[in-house]
C-alpha atoms as a PDB file:
ATOM      1  CA  MET A   1      83.823 169.544  65.676  1.00  0.00           C
ATOM      2  CA  TRP A   2      80.326 168.585  64.192  1.00  0.00           C
ATOM      3  CA  ILE A   3      80.250 171.503  62.227  1.00  0.00           C
ATOM      4  CA  GLY A   4      83.825 170.788  60.996  1.00  0.00           C
ATOM      5  CA  ALA A   5      83.076 167.348  60.172  1.00  0.00           C
ATOM      6  CA  CYS A   6      80.008 167.957  58.342  1.00  0.00           C
ATOM      7  CA  THR A   7      81.832 170.595  56.194  1.00  0.00           C
ATOM      8  CA  SER A   8      84.449 168.196  55.653  1.00  0.00           C
ATOM      9  CA  THR A   9      82.066 165.514  54.555  1.00  0.00           C
ATOM     10  CA  ILE A  10      80.062 167.766  52.257  1.00  0.00           C
ATOM     11  CA  GLY A  11      83.343 168.864  50.592  1.00  0.00           C
ATOM     12  CA  THR A  12      84.643 165.721  50.123  1.00  0.00           C
ATOM     13  CA  PHE A  13      81.280 164.568  48.616  1.00  0.00           C
ATOM     14  CA  VAL A  14      81.184 167.622  46.445  1.00  0.00           C
ATOM     15  CA  GLN A  15      84.632 166.537  45.065  1.00  0.00           C
ATOM     16  CA  GLN A  16      83.489 163.120  44.326  1.00  0.00           C
ATOM     17  CA  PHE A  17      80.834 164.494  42.444  1.00  0.00           C
ATOM     18  CA  ALA A  18      82.343 166.463  40.015  1.00  0.00           C
ATOM     19  CA  GLN A  19      85.507 164.250  39.941  1.00  0.00           C
ATOM     20  CA  SER A  20      82.837 161.433  38.341  1.00  0.00           C
ATOM     21  CA  TRP A  21      82.072 164.245  35.502  1.00  0.00           C
ATOM     22  CA  LEU A  22      85.386 165.261  34.854  1.00  0.00           C
ATOM     23  CA  VAL A  23      86.300 160.985  34.623  1.00  0.00           C
ATOM     24  CA  TYR A  24      83.536 160.757  32.545  1.00  0.00           C
ATOM     25  CA  ASP A  25      83.987 163.776  30.469  1.00  0.00           C
ATOM     26  CA  LEU A  26      87.690 162.753  29.892  1.00  0.00           C
ATOM     27  CA  THR A  27      87.178 158.988  29.078  1.00  0.00           C
ATOM     28  CA  LYS A  28      83.614 158.468  28.005  1.00  0.00           C
ATOM     29  CA  ASN A  29      84.222 155.223  29.177  1.00  0.00           C
ATOM     30  CA  PRO A  30      82.267 154.100  32.660  1.00  0.00           C
ATOM     31  CA  PHE A  31      84.818 151.569  33.344  1.00  0.00           C
ATOM     32  CA  TYR A  32      87.033 154.425  34.763  1.00  0.00           C
ATOM     33  CA  LEU A  33      84.064 155.846  36.956  1.00  0.00           C
ATOM     34  CA  GLY A  34      83.986 152.721  38.816  1.00  0.00           C
ATOM     35  CA  LEU A  35      88.021 152.519  39.025  1.00  0.00           C
ATOM     36  CA  ASP A  36      87.731 156.306  40.259  1.00  0.00           C
ATOM     37  CA  LEU A  37      85.451 155.220  43.177  1.00  0.00           C
ATOM     38  CA  PHE A  38      87.535 151.876  43.704  1.00  0.00           C
ATOM     39  CA  LEU A  39      90.884 153.496  44.038  1.00  0.00           C
ATOM     40  CA  GLY A  40      89.136 156.088  46.661  1.00  0.00           C
ATOM     41  CA  GLN A  41      87.531 153.314  49.013  1.00  0.00           C
ATOM     42  CA  LEU A  42      90.434 150.694  48.559  1.00  0.00           C
ATOM     43  CA  PRO A  43      92.849 152.319  50.875  1.00  0.00           C
ATOM     44  CA  ILE A  44      90.174 152.853  53.641  1.00  0.00           C
ATOM     45  CA  MET A  45      89.230 148.816  53.309  1.00  0.00           C
ATOM     46  CA  ALA A  46      93.010 148.288  53.438  1.00  0.00           C
ATOM     47  CA  PHE A  47      94.438 150.756  55.817  1.00  0.00           C
ATOM     48  CA  SER A  48      91.661 151.852  58.331  1.00  0.00           C
ATOM     49  CA  LEU A  49      92.740 148.830  60.804  1.00  0.00           C
ATOM     50  CA  VAL A  50      96.042 150.156  60.861  1.00  0.00           C
ATOM     51  CA  GLY A  51      95.175 153.631  61.153  1.00  0.00           C
ATOM     52  CA  GLY A  52      92.870 152.398  64.248  1.00  0.00           C
ATOM     53  CA  VAL A  53      96.297 151.131  65.757  1.00  0.00           C
ATOM     54  CA  PHE A  54      97.816 154.467  64.981  1.00  0.00           C
ATOM     55  CA  ALA A  55      94.728 156.528  66.206  1.00  0.00           C
ATOM     56  CA  ASP A  56      94.923 154.386  69.678  1.00  0.00           C
ATOM     57  CA  ARG A  57      98.934 155.251  70.000  1.00  0.00           C
ATOM     58  CA  ARG A  58      99.107 158.938  68.597  1.00  0.00           C
ATOM     59  CA  ASP A  59      98.063 162.170  69.197  1.00  0.00           C
ATOM     60  CA  ARG A  60      94.387 161.788  67.519  1.00  0.00           C
ATOM     61  CA  CYS A  61      93.949 165.471  66.735  1.00  0.00           C
ATOM     62  CA  LYS A  62      97.211 165.517  64.694  1.00  0.00           C
ATOM     63  CA  MET A  63      96.165 162.738  62.832  1.00  0.00           C
ATOM     64  CA  LEU A  64      92.986 163.992  62.155  1.00  0.00           C
ATOM     65  CA  LEU A  65      94.648 167.325  61.188  1.00  0.00           C
ATOM     66  CA  ALA A  66      97.266 165.255  59.038  1.00  0.00           C
ATOM     67  CA  SER A  67      94.161 163.562  57.301  1.00  0.00           C
ATOM     68  CA  GLN A  68      92.383 166.870  56.338  1.00  0.00           C
ATOM     69  CA  TYR A  69      95.691 168.675  54.965  1.00  0.00           C
ATOM     70  CA  ILE A  70      96.393 165.975  52.829  1.00  0.00           C
ATOM     71  CA  GLN A  71      92.772 165.935  51.526  1.00  0.00           C
ATOM     72  CA  MET A  72      92.930 169.591  51.020  1.00  0.00           C
ATOM     73  CA  ALA A  73      95.967 169.459  49.035  1.00  0.00           C
ATOM     74  CA  CYS A  74      94.624 167.000  46.972  1.00  0.00           C
ATOM     75  CA  ALA A  75      91.761 169.007  46.436  1.00  0.00           C
ATOM     76  CA  PHE A  76      93.536 172.057  45.419  1.00  0.00           C
ATOM     77  CA  LEU A  77      96.103 170.096  43.411  1.00  0.00           C
ATOM     78  CA  LEU A  78      93.046 168.739  41.237  1.00  0.00           C
ATOM     79  CA  ALA A  79      91.786 172.134  40.851  1.00  0.00           C
ATOM     80  CA  ILE A  80      95.275 173.806  39.355  1.00  0.00           C
ATOM     81  CA  LEU A  81      95.592 170.787  37.285  1.00  0.00           C
ATOM     82  CA  PHE A  82      92.084 171.498  35.989  1.00  0.00           C
ATOM     83  CA  VAL A  83      92.396 175.493  35.344  1.00  0.00           C
ATOM     84  CA  THR A  84      95.730 174.743  33.668  1.00  0.00           C
ATOM     85  CA  HIS A  85      94.283 172.261  31.418  1.00  0.00           C
ATOM     86  CA  THR A  86      96.669 169.476  32.256  1.00  0.00           C
ATOM     87  CA  VAL A  87      94.616 166.984  34.112  1.00  0.00           C
ATOM     88  CA  LYS A  88      94.938 163.610  33.012  1.00  0.00           C
ATOM     89  CA  VAL A  89      92.767 160.701  34.163  1.00  0.00           C
ATOM     90  CA  TRP A  90      95.910 158.935  35.659  1.00  0.00           C
ATOM     91  CA  HIS A  91      96.193 162.147  37.833  1.00  0.00           C
ATOM     92  CA  ILE A  92      92.416 161.705  39.243  1.00  0.00           C
ATOM     93  CA  LEU A  93      92.563 157.886  40.040  1.00  0.00           C
ATOM     94  CA  THR A  94      96.114 158.636  42.019  1.00  0.00           C
ATOM     95  CA  LEU A  95      94.837 161.596  43.727  1.00  0.00           C
ATOM     96  CA  SER A  96      91.755 159.451  44.758  1.00  0.00           C
ATOM     97  CA  PHE A  97      93.923 156.997  45.881  1.00  0.00           C
ATOM     98  CA  ILE A  98      95.694 159.629  48.009  1.00  0.00           C
ATOM     99  CA  VAL A  99      92.580 161.037  49.577  1.00  0.00           C
ATOM    100  CA  GLY A 100      91.784 157.445  50.315  1.00  0.00           C
ATOM    101  CA  LEU A 101      94.698 156.919  52.243  1.00  0.00           C
ATOM    102  CA  GLY A 102      94.022 160.189  54.209  1.00  0.00           C
ATOM    103  CA  GLN A 103      90.443 159.189  55.142  1.00  0.00           C
ATOM    104  CA  SER A 104      91.854 155.814  56.173  1.00  0.00           C
ATOM    105  CA  PHE A 105      93.694 157.197  58.580  1.00  0.00           C
ATOM    106  CA  GLY A 106      91.365 160.472  59.779  1.00  0.00           C
ATOM    107  CA  GLY A 107      88.222 158.429  60.029  1.00  0.00           C
ATOM    108  CA  PRO A 108      89.784 156.000  63.233  1.00  0.00           C
ATOM    109  CA  ALA A 109      91.145 159.327  64.412  1.00  0.00           C
ATOM    110  CA  TYR A 110      88.233 161.399  64.567  1.00  0.00           C
ATOM    111  CA  SER A 111      86.115 157.955  65.788  1.00  0.00           C
ATOM    112  CA  ALA A 112      88.684 157.737  68.530  1.00  0.00           C
ATOM    113  CA  LEU A 113      88.936 161.555  69.600  1.00  0.00           C
ATOM    114  CA  LEU A 114      85.012 161.861  69.595  1.00  0.00           C
ATOM    115  CA  PRO A 115      84.886 159.972  73.320  1.00  0.00           C
ATOM    116  CA  THR A 116      87.367 161.929  74.494  1.00  0.00           C
ATOM    117  CA  LEU A 117      85.717 164.962  73.563  1.00  0.00           C
ATOM    118  CA  VAL A 118      81.882 164.411  75.115  1.00  0.00           C
ATOM    119  CA  PRO A 119      80.873 163.020  78.625  1.00  0.00           C
ATOM    120  CA  GLU A 120      79.616 159.635  78.656  1.00  0.00           C
ATOM    121  CA  ASP A 121      75.970 160.561  79.399  1.00  0.00           C
ATOM    122  CA  ASP A 122      75.955 162.000  76.021  1.00  0.00           C
ATOM    123  CA  LEU A 123      78.286 159.614  73.565  1.00  0.00           C
ATOM    124  CA  SER A 124      74.938 157.921  72.420  1.00  0.00           C
ATOM    125  CA  ASN A 125      73.753 161.536  71.168  1.00  0.00           C
ATOM    126  CA  ALA A 126      77.049 162.309  69.700  1.00  0.00           C
ATOM    127  CA  ILE A 127      77.665 159.029  67.955  1.00  0.00           C
ATOM    128  CA  ALA A 128      73.973 159.791  66.346  1.00  0.00           C
ATOM    129  CA  MET A 129      74.606 163.415  65.645  1.00  0.00           C
ATOM    130  CA  ASN A 130      77.887 162.318  63.908  1.00  0.00           C
ATOM    131  CA  SER A 131      75.593 159.572  61.885  1.00  0.00           C
ATOM    132  CA  ILE A 132      73.144 162.509  60.963  1.00  0.00           C
ATOM    133  CA  GLN A 133      76.095 164.711  59.622  1.00  0.00           C
ATOM    134  CA  PHE A 134      77.236 161.873  57.365  1.00  0.00           C
ATOM    135  CA  ASN A 135      73.487 161.135  56.124  1.00  0.00           C
ATOM    136  CA  LEU A 136      72.808 164.848  55.559  1.00  0.00           C
ATOM    137  CA  ALA A 137      75.854 165.454  53.575  1.00  0.00           C
ATOM    138  CA  SER A 138      74.517 162.260  51.598  1.00  0.00           C
ATOM    139  CA  VAL A 139      71.386 163.969  50.910  1.00  0.00           C
ATOM    140  CA  ILE A 140      72.291 167.773  50.043  1.00  0.00           C
ATOM    141  CA  VAL A 141      75.473 167.003  48.284  1.00  0.00           C
ATOM    142  CA  PRO A 142      73.682 166.479  44.585  1.00  0.00           C
ATOM    143  CA  THR A 143      71.962 169.782  44.913  1.00  0.00           C
ATOM    144  CA  ILE A 144      74.901 171.870  46.167  1.00  0.00           C
ATOM    145  CA  GLY A 145      77.172 169.654  43.828  1.00  0.00           C
ATOM    146  CA  GLY A 146      74.759 170.355  40.538  1.00  0.00           C
ATOM    147  CA  LEU A 147      74.267 173.756  41.755  1.00  0.00           C
ATOM    148  CA  ALA A 148      78.294 174.513  41.907  1.00  0.00           C
ATOM    149  CA  TYR A 149      79.285 172.677  38.906  1.00  0.00           C
ATOM    150  CA  SER A 150      76.650 173.738  36.497  1.00  0.00           C
ATOM    151  CA  PRO A 151      77.475 177.556  36.386  1.00  0.00           C
ATOM    152  CA  LEU A 152      81.073 177.247  37.831  1.00  0.00           C
ATOM    153  CA  GLY A 153      82.696 174.130  36.592  1.00  0.00           C
ATOM    154  CA  ALA A 154      84.568 171.632  38.319  1.00  0.00           C
ATOM    155  CA  THR A 155      87.506 173.775  39.583  1.00  0.00           C
ATOM    156  CA  TRP A 156      85.129 175.454  41.937  1.00  0.00           C
ATOM    157  CA  CYS A 157      83.952 171.938  43.340  1.00  0.00           C
ATOM    158  CA  PHE A 158      87.434 171.170  43.933  1.00  0.00           C
ATOM    159  CA  THR A 159      88.485 174.571  45.747  1.00  0.00           C
ATOM    160  CA  LEU A 160      85.392 174.507  47.466  1.00  0.00           C
ATOM    161  CA  ASN A 161      86.081 171.287  49.289  1.00  0.00           C
END
């Protein structure tokens, strides 16, 4: 599960990296960079508490999978829109919001699922490892994103996610 979470976090950050470049390439306006990031974080701030209630009452594994499917579908849709040269800024902004919505339910489901998978004695280590994977992704994504974006372009960043 740790490897899957780390891979997912890296993929999400690489997509955000490529999205930022794409938004700026399309608009040449820094306002849209901030708007894209804001719309991606807004559902997390607004709906994570609701996501936590659902995680306490529903099957956490199914919630986590549904969240990942939503994020994957958005990444593929963005890749298709980019490769067919039909992508518009509003597409990116809408998909950022949808990805954030998926994360607002997937994050609490992941956090609630973790204690059920690890013995109580190892829980603090599991939480520390979760923090490590998130911070590790934050550190290596600029390199991975740059290496993928420069020769391959945004389409591959979205598809790799």
